[in-house]
Amino acid sequence: MKAAVVNTPGELPKFQDFDEPTLQEGEVLIHARAAGVHPVVKSIASGAHYSASGSGPIIPGVDGVGTLEDGTRVYFGGARKPWGTMAERVAVPRSMYIPVPDGIDNVTAAAIANPGMSGWVALKDRAGLLPGETVLILGATGVAGQLAIQVARQMGAKRIVGAGRNVDALRSAGLDEVIALNQPEDDLRKAFVAEAVAGIDVVIDYLWGRPTELLLEALAKGFKAEATHRTRLVEVGASAGPSITLPASILRSIDLTILGSGFGAASIDRIFAAVSELFALAAEGALKVDVDVVPLSDVETAWNRANKGRRIVLTV
């Protein structure tokens, strides 16, 4: 069959022949139709992600949309390595697919599931967001960040603050406050402190690195002994850096809970439940995502394309 194939970790995927997956007990064959080029997919393919196998050749892709033998449209994941979802056919466990509702097309479903799930699980399951709370999204200009804004609004957040580099995109997202991350650090500190003083209940962090250090510093500066405010920070991505320096004084001066959200922090059952809820909202028109559709045969040229808030989806 034809597939996108990463022959050596870190190299661009090639459109080439690859062995068909052989069904094992408990698996089902899916005819793939669309798969998203998510940041996690590229991270795994490069060998940098914690779940990467470190060897090749492999077919990249963590999820996708396709059809069963009877024509039922499904969203699926969990392909057995070295197979991934960017191929003509994929074998997955019977427990690793769910129906796609009629009101959402293949491309939209493939684009929205992974980035939307990251925000949904982080806000609902990890942070336990309550209606009326304030959410700050670090890295709100990417696809995942844009969907997190929409998800937070659906969950009843009272105030949503977006921090990112593309200020124009943030201003068009209907946020209550916009913070430019590319301003001088002293000004960024002041902007974070102002929000900390007002009270931040939940931080969804797609960046980590220096922006997170500055935010935590601001939370400490906004500390009020007579009115301690609990903040839950959920780390989802690390596009600004893989590590931070965390002074002990910060942990002593604020009521801070730091959580992670990913395939090791949330169960597969909860992830699929989140995707079902996302699909229902998308089918109603309550969630939107911008997509660039690319044939699977053009995977090599599309792989590192700057998408600027749009998700690339490969179609078969």
Foldseek 3Di string as FASTA:
>chain_A
DWFFKLQAAQDFTATDDDDDDDEDPQKFKWFFFKAWLDPVQNCLSNVNDPPHPRHDTAGTGAWFWTAGPVGFIKIFGAFDPSYHRGGRMTIHGPVTIDGFDPLDDRHFLNFCQVLLLLLLCCQCVVLVDAAAAEEEEEALFAQSNLSNLLNCVVRHHPAYEYEEQPQVSVVVSPHPYYHHPPDDLVVSLVVLLVVLLVAHAEYEYAAEDPVVVSNLVSNLVSFDPVDAGAHEYEYEHHNNHDHDDDDPVSVVRHNYHYHYDDPVRDDSVSSVVSSVVVSVCVSVVSGDAAEDEAESNCSRVPNPDDPRRHIYMYGD
